Amino acid sequence: MVRWNIAAVVGVPGVGKTSLCREAAELLGSTHVNYGGLMLEIARQKGLAETDSEMFGLDLDIQHRIWREAALRASSMSNIILDLHGIDVSPIGYITSFPVEIISPDIVVIVESSYENILKRRQTDKSKKRALEDFKNLNEHMSLLRSSVAAFSVFSGYTFMVVDNNNFDECLEEIVALLGE
């Protein structure tokens, strides 16, 4: 077990991290903080956007200010499971969305799954408009996420691990065992 105050759970869209974070936080008596949701809350409070699409359509400087404010808010919280992508795909390439210069997680959990499971989750999740990456691009996305988390850990000093979410209950059990007492 790792002692932690902030546990970050990262993964590509559709890997199941939000469902895992919600359940794990409930089982562990922690608070689940969805980073994208926190950003949207800030954008709404400032009257800048009402939806994810509107927020991510804002000027990049404005998005960065929202991203930074969300990181500052999250960094001041205690006993949280922070749910975020870590790396996002943009029209100009990959963007690091893990605010390690502001948030110092004690542990990072990378959630991965098979291409088929991620694609199925993306197709069935009607709450969000999700891109359907092909196999090559999705594997590249997951590989870059794993590499960046490893690189960030060298500078930030956090522990990280990779879990497989091809079976939700087993993956949840693994995360709870890691974070639990």
C-alpha atoms as a PDB file:
ATOM      1  CA  MET A   1       0.000   0.000   0.000  1.00  0.00           C
ATOM      2  CA  VAL A   2       1.149   3.523  -0.799  1.00  0.00           C
ATOM      3  CA  ARG A   3       0.244   6.396   1.518  1.00  0.00           C
ATOM      4  CA  TRP A   4      -1.413   9.068  -0.572  1.00  0.00           C
ATOM      5  CA  ASN A   5      -3.340  12.290  -0.471  1.00  0.00           C
ATOM      6  CA  ILE A   6      -3.797  12.714  -4.214  1.00  0.00           C
ATOM      7  CA  ALA A   7      -4.076   9.622  -6.395  1.00  0.00           C
ATOM      8  CA  ALA A   8      -4.285  10.394 -10.108  1.00  0.00           C
ATOM      9  CA  VAL A   9      -5.962   7.890 -12.396  1.00  0.00           C
ATOM     10  CA  VAL A  10      -5.154   8.442 -16.066  1.00  0.00           C
ATOM     11  CA  GLY A  11      -6.141   6.784 -19.295  1.00  0.00           C
ATOM     12  CA  VAL A  12      -7.377   7.379 -22.801  1.00  0.00           C
ATOM     13  CA  PRO A  13     -11.042   8.305 -23.277  1.00  0.00           C
ATOM     14  CA  GLY A  14     -13.247   5.228 -23.081  1.00  0.00           C
ATOM     15  CA  VAL A  15     -10.892   3.103 -20.986  1.00  0.00           C
ATOM     16  CA  GLY A  16     -13.348   3.174 -18.073  1.00  0.00           C
ATOM     17  CA  LYS A  17     -11.403   5.339 -15.649  1.00  0.00           C
ATOM     18  CA  THR A  18     -14.317   7.539 -14.576  1.00  0.00           C
ATOM     19  CA  SER A  19     -16.451   4.538 -13.603  1.00  0.00           C
ATOM     20  CA  LEU A  20     -13.463   3.018 -11.798  1.00  0.00           C
ATOM     21  CA  CYS A  21     -12.691   6.300 -10.003  1.00  0.00           C
ATOM     22  CA  ARG A  22     -16.280   6.756  -8.833  1.00  0.00           C
ATOM     23  CA  GLU A  23     -16.463   3.234  -7.417  1.00  0.00           C
ATOM     24  CA  ALA A  24     -12.967   3.305  -5.885  1.00  0.00           C
ATOM     25  CA  ALA A  25     -13.584   6.680  -4.218  1.00  0.00           C
ATOM     26  CA  GLU A  26     -16.820   5.417  -2.731  1.00  0.00           C
ATOM     27  CA  LEU A  27     -15.203   2.228  -1.430  1.00  0.00           C
ATOM     28  CA  LEU A  28     -12.202   4.107  -0.009  1.00  0.00           C
ATOM     29  CA  GLY A  29     -14.106   7.054   1.486  1.00  0.00           C
ATOM     30  CA  SER A  30     -12.305   9.460  -0.841  1.00  0.00           C
ATOM     31  CA  THR A  31     -13.530  12.196  -3.149  1.00  0.00           C
ATOM     32  CA  HIS A  32     -13.662  11.589  -6.894  1.00  0.00           C
ATOM     33  CA  VAL A  33     -12.597  14.680  -8.847  1.00  0.00           C
ATOM     34  CA  ASN A  34     -13.125  14.575 -12.603  1.00  0.00           C
ATOM     35  CA  TYR A  35     -10.612  17.061 -14.004  1.00  0.00           C
ATOM     36  CA  GLY A  36     -12.573  17.755 -17.196  1.00  0.00           C
ATOM     37  CA  GLY A  37     -15.716  18.259 -15.129  1.00  0.00           C
ATOM     38  CA  LEU A  38     -13.857  20.688 -12.874  1.00  0.00           C
ATOM     39  CA  MET A  39     -12.658  22.604 -15.935  1.00  0.00           C
ATOM     40  CA  LEU A  40     -16.202  22.801 -17.295  1.00  0.00           C
ATOM     41  CA  GLU A  41     -17.487  23.985 -13.909  1.00  0.00           C
ATOM     42  CA  ILE A  42     -14.933  26.820 -13.987  1.00  0.00           C
ATOM     43  CA  ALA A  43     -15.811  27.704 -17.587  1.00  0.00           C
ATOM     44  CA  ARG A  44     -19.513  27.841 -16.651  1.00  0.00           C
ATOM     45  CA  GLN A  45     -18.835  30.011 -13.578  1.00  0.00           C
ATOM     46  CA  LYS A  46     -16.958  32.475 -15.789  1.00  0.00           C
ATOM     47  CA  GLY A  47     -19.698  32.415 -18.447  1.00  0.00           C
ATOM     48  CA  LEU A  48     -17.295  31.070 -21.059  1.00  0.00           C
ATOM     49  CA  ALA A  49     -18.897  27.743 -21.996  1.00  0.00           C
ATOM     50  CA  GLU A  50     -21.774  25.449 -21.113  1.00  0.00           C
ATOM     51  CA  THR A  51     -20.552  22.224 -22.762  1.00  0.00           C
ATOM     52  CA  ASP A  52     -17.272  20.375 -23.270  1.00  0.00           C
ATOM     53  CA  SER A  53     -17.435  21.157 -26.989  1.00  0.00           C
ATOM     54  CA  GLU A  54     -17.845  24.868 -26.315  1.00  0.00           C
ATOM     55  CA  MET A  55     -15.028  24.844 -23.758  1.00  0.00           C
ATOM     56  CA  PHE A  56     -12.592  23.019 -26.042  1.00  0.00           C
ATOM     57  CA  GLY A  57     -13.540  25.387 -28.849  1.00  0.00           C
ATOM     58  CA  LEU A  58     -12.299  28.396 -26.857  1.00  0.00           C
ATOM     59  CA  ASP A  59      -9.027  30.119 -27.632  1.00  0.00           C
ATOM     60  CA  LEU A  60      -6.110  27.984 -26.390  1.00  0.00           C
ATOM     61  CA  ASP A  61      -4.941  30.721 -23.997  1.00  0.00           C
ATOM     62  CA  ILE A  62      -8.373  30.758 -22.343  1.00  0.00           C
ATOM     63  CA  GLN A  63      -8.430  26.952 -22.178  1.00  0.00           C
ATOM     64  CA  HIS A  64      -4.997  27.017 -20.544  1.00  0.00           C
ATOM     65  CA  ARG A  65      -6.186  29.494 -17.899  1.00  0.00           C
ATOM     66  CA  ILE A  66      -9.163  27.233 -17.129  1.00  0.00           C
ATOM     67  CA  TRP A  67      -6.844  24.175 -17.043  1.00  0.00           C
ATOM     68  CA  ARG A  68      -4.493  25.979 -14.644  1.00  0.00           C
ATOM     69  CA  GLU A  69      -7.304  27.130 -12.327  1.00  0.00           C
ATOM     70  CA  ALA A  70      -8.661  23.564 -12.223  1.00  0.00           C
ATOM     71  CA  ALA A  71      -5.183  22.296 -11.306  1.00  0.00           C
ATOM     72  CA  LEU A  72      -4.839  24.872  -8.529  1.00  0.00           C
ATOM     73  CA  ARG A  73      -8.238  23.923  -7.108  1.00  0.00           C
ATOM     74  CA  ALA A  74      -7.466  20.195  -7.251  1.00  0.00           C
ATOM     75  CA  SER A  75      -4.031  20.671  -5.689  1.00  0.00           C
ATOM     76  CA  SER A  76      -5.617  22.262  -2.618  1.00  0.00           C
ATOM     77  CA  MET A  77      -7.937  19.293  -2.027  1.00  0.00           C
ATOM     78  CA  SER A  78      -7.258  16.336   0.253  1.00  0.00           C
ATOM     79  CA  ASN A  79      -7.881  12.615  -0.089  1.00  0.00           C
ATOM     80  CA  ILE A  80      -8.911  12.801  -3.752  1.00  0.00           C
ATOM     81  CA  ILE A  81      -8.889  10.399  -6.639  1.00  0.00           C
ATOM     82  CA  LEU A  82      -8.207  12.669  -9.600  1.00  0.00           C
ATOM     83  CA  ASP A  83      -9.617  11.392 -12.891  1.00  0.00           C
ATOM     84  CA  LEU A  84      -7.949  12.775 -16.032  1.00  0.00           C
ATOM     85  CA  HIS A  85      -6.680  11.759 -19.459  1.00  0.00           C
ATOM     86  CA  GLY A  86      -3.047  12.763 -18.992  1.00  0.00           C
ATOM     87  CA  ILE A  87      -2.571  13.235 -22.730  1.00  0.00           C
ATOM     88  CA  ASP A  88      -5.210  14.468 -25.142  1.00  0.00           C
ATOM     89  CA  VAL A  89      -5.433  14.339 -28.914  1.00  0.00           C
ATOM     90  CA  SER A  90      -5.894  17.710 -30.584  1.00  0.00           C
ATOM     91  CA  PRO A  91      -6.114  18.779 -34.223  1.00  0.00           C
ATOM     92  CA  ILE A  92      -2.429  19.771 -34.044  1.00  0.00           C
ATOM     93  CA  GLY A  93      -1.162  16.664 -32.232  1.00  0.00           C
ATOM     94  CA  TYR A  94      -0.920  15.373 -28.678  1.00  0.00           C
ATOM     95  CA  ILE A  95      -1.246  17.759 -25.745  1.00  0.00           C
ATOM     96  CA  THR A  96      -0.074  16.924 -22.241  1.00  0.00           C
ATOM     97  CA  SER A  97      -3.032  17.551 -19.969  1.00  0.00           C
ATOM     98  CA  PHE A  98      -1.449  16.322 -16.737  1.00  0.00           C
ATOM     99  CA  PRO A  99      -0.637  19.436 -14.646  1.00  0.00           C
ATOM    100  CA  VAL A 100       2.382  17.950 -12.831  1.00  0.00           C
ATOM    101  CA  GLU A 101       3.907  21.392 -12.347  1.00  0.00           C
ATOM    102  CA  ILE A 102       0.900  22.265 -10.142  1.00  0.00           C
ATOM    103  CA  ILE A 103      -0.463  18.971  -8.817  1.00  0.00           C
ATOM    104  CA  SER A 104       1.885  16.584  -7.040  1.00  0.00           C
ATOM    105  CA  PRO A 105       0.162  13.219  -6.950  1.00  0.00           C
ATOM    106  CA  ASP A 106       1.507  10.614  -4.561  1.00  0.00           C
ATOM    107  CA  ILE A 107       0.614   7.826  -6.941  1.00  0.00           C
ATOM    108  CA  VAL A 108      -0.558   7.592 -10.529  1.00  0.00           C
ATOM    109  CA  VAL A 109      -2.586   4.679 -11.858  1.00  0.00           C
ATOM    110  CA  ILE A 110      -2.584   4.225 -15.623  1.00  0.00           C
ATOM    111  CA  VAL A 111      -5.693   2.380 -16.792  1.00  0.00           C
ATOM    112  CA  GLU A 112      -5.420   0.475 -20.044  1.00  0.00           C
ATOM    113  CA  SER A 113      -7.744  -1.860 -21.920  1.00  0.00           C
ATOM    114  CA  SER A 114      -7.988  -3.646 -25.241  1.00  0.00           C
ATOM    115  CA  TYR A 115      -8.776  -1.717 -28.399  1.00  0.00           C
ATOM    116  CA  GLU A 116     -12.058  -3.607 -28.732  1.00  0.00           C
ATOM    117  CA  ASN A 117     -13.201  -2.721 -25.212  1.00  0.00           C
ATOM    118  CA  ILE A 118     -12.275   0.952 -25.585  1.00  0.00           C
ATOM    119  CA  LEU A 119     -14.002   1.183 -28.956  1.00  0.00           C
ATOM    120  CA  LYS A 120     -17.128  -0.480 -27.546  1.00  0.00           C
ATOM    121  CA  ARG A 121     -17.207   1.927 -24.578  1.00  0.00           C
ATOM    122  CA  ARG A 122     -16.755   4.940 -26.851  1.00  0.00           C
ATOM    123  CA  GLN A 123     -19.554   3.804 -29.152  1.00  0.00           C
ATOM    124  CA  THR A 124     -22.019   3.109 -26.336  1.00  0.00           C
ATOM    125  CA  ASP A 125     -21.317   6.212 -24.204  1.00  0.00           C
ATOM    126  CA  LYS A 126     -23.993   8.612 -25.434  1.00  0.00           C
ATOM    127  CA  SER A 127     -23.099  11.223 -22.793  1.00  0.00           C
ATOM    128  CA  LYS A 128     -20.052  12.373 -24.778  1.00  0.00           C
ATOM    129  CA  LYS A 129     -19.038  12.760 -28.388  1.00  0.00           C
ATOM    130  CA  ARG A 130     -15.940  10.581 -28.507  1.00  0.00           C
ATOM    131  CA  ALA A 131     -13.461  10.228 -31.336  1.00  0.00           C
ATOM    132  CA  LEU A 132     -13.087   6.719 -32.725  1.00  0.00           C
ATOM    133  CA  GLU A 133      -9.333   6.328 -33.137  1.00  0.00           C
ATOM    134  CA  ASP A 134      -8.069   3.458 -35.248  1.00  0.00           C
ATOM    135  CA  PHE A 135      -6.013   0.673 -33.649  1.00  0.00           C
ATOM    136  CA  LYS A 136      -2.632   2.219 -34.565  1.00  0.00           C
ATOM    137  CA  ASN A 137      -3.495   5.688 -33.239  1.00  0.00           C
ATOM    138  CA  LEU A 138      -5.046   4.347 -30.033  1.00  0.00           C
ATOM    139  CA  ASN A 139      -1.979   2.218 -29.318  1.00  0.00           C
ATOM    140  CA  GLU A 140       0.231   5.248 -29.995  1.00  0.00           C
ATOM    141  CA  HIS A 141      -1.920   7.342 -27.628  1.00  0.00           C
ATOM    142  CA  MET A 142      -1.661   4.737 -24.837  1.00  0.00           C
ATOM    143  CA  SER A 143       2.090   4.318 -25.401  1.00  0.00           C
ATOM    144  CA  LEU A 144       2.695   8.073 -25.217  1.00  0.00           C
ATOM    145  CA  LEU A 145       0.614   8.280 -22.046  1.00  0.00           C
ATOM    146  CA  ARG A 146       2.616   5.494 -20.406  1.00  0.00           C
ATOM    147  CA  SER A 147       5.915   7.085 -21.468  1.00  0.00           C
ATOM    148  CA  SER A 148       4.945  10.555 -20.262  1.00  0.00           C
ATOM    149  CA  VAL A 149       3.759   9.262 -16.880  1.00  0.00           C
ATOM    150  CA  ALA A 150       7.062   7.413 -16.485  1.00  0.00           C
ATOM    151  CA  ALA A 151       9.040  10.531 -17.438  1.00  0.00           C
ATOM    152  CA  PHE A 152       7.004  12.779 -15.129  1.00  0.00           C
ATOM    153  CA  SER A 153       7.574  10.331 -12.261  1.00  0.00           C
ATOM    154  CA  VAL A 154      11.326  10.846 -12.541  1.00  0.00           C
ATOM    155  CA  PHE A 155      10.926  14.585 -11.953  1.00  0.00           C
ATOM    156  CA  SER A 156       7.961  14.510  -9.581  1.00  0.00           C
ATOM    157  CA  GLY A 157       8.886  11.469  -7.500  1.00  0.00           C
ATOM    158  CA  TYR A 158       5.507   9.765  -7.591  1.00  0.00           C
ATOM    159  CA  THR A 159       4.948   6.030  -7.836  1.00  0.00           C
ATOM    160  CA  PHE A 160       2.960   4.717 -10.761  1.00  0.00           C
ATOM    161  CA  MET A 161       1.449   1.471 -11.868  1.00  0.00           C
ATOM    162  CA  VAL A 162      -0.471   0.138 -14.853  1.00  0.00           C
ATOM    163  CA  VAL A 163      -3.755  -1.752 -14.468  1.00  0.00           C
ATOM    164  CA  ASP A 164      -5.741  -3.596 -17.089  1.00  0.00           C
ATOM    165  CA  ASN A 165      -9.472  -2.831 -17.341  1.00  0.00           C
ATOM    166  CA  ASN A 166     -10.666  -5.696 -19.493  1.00  0.00           C
ATOM    167  CA  ASN A 167     -12.610  -6.909 -16.441  1.00  0.00           C
ATOM    168  CA  PHE A 168     -14.110  -4.028 -14.441  1.00  0.00           C
ATOM    169  CA  ASP A 169     -14.500  -5.860 -11.120  1.00  0.00           C
ATOM    170  CA  GLU A 170     -10.949  -7.224 -11.175  1.00  0.00           C
ATOM    171  CA  CYS A 171      -9.510  -3.847 -12.119  1.00  0.00           C
ATOM    172  CA  LEU A 172     -11.510  -2.083  -9.389  1.00  0.00           C
ATOM    173  CA  GLU A 173     -10.327  -4.644  -6.846  1.00  0.00           C
ATOM    174  CA  GLU A 174      -6.720  -4.061  -7.902  1.00  0.00           C
ATOM    175  CA  ILE A 175      -7.035  -0.270  -7.593  1.00  0.00           C
ATOM    176  CA  VAL A 176      -8.768  -0.476  -4.198  1.00  0.00           C
ATOM    177  CA  ALA A 177      -6.114  -2.912  -2.918  1.00  0.00           C
ATOM    178  CA  LEU A 178      -3.379  -0.539  -4.045  1.00  0.00           C
ATOM    179  CA  LEU A 179      -4.939   2.574  -2.548  1.00  0.00           C
ATOM    180  CA  GLY A 180      -6.641   0.990   0.464  1.00  0.00           C
ATOM    181  CA  GLU A 181      -5.252   0.318   3.890  1.00  0.00           C
END
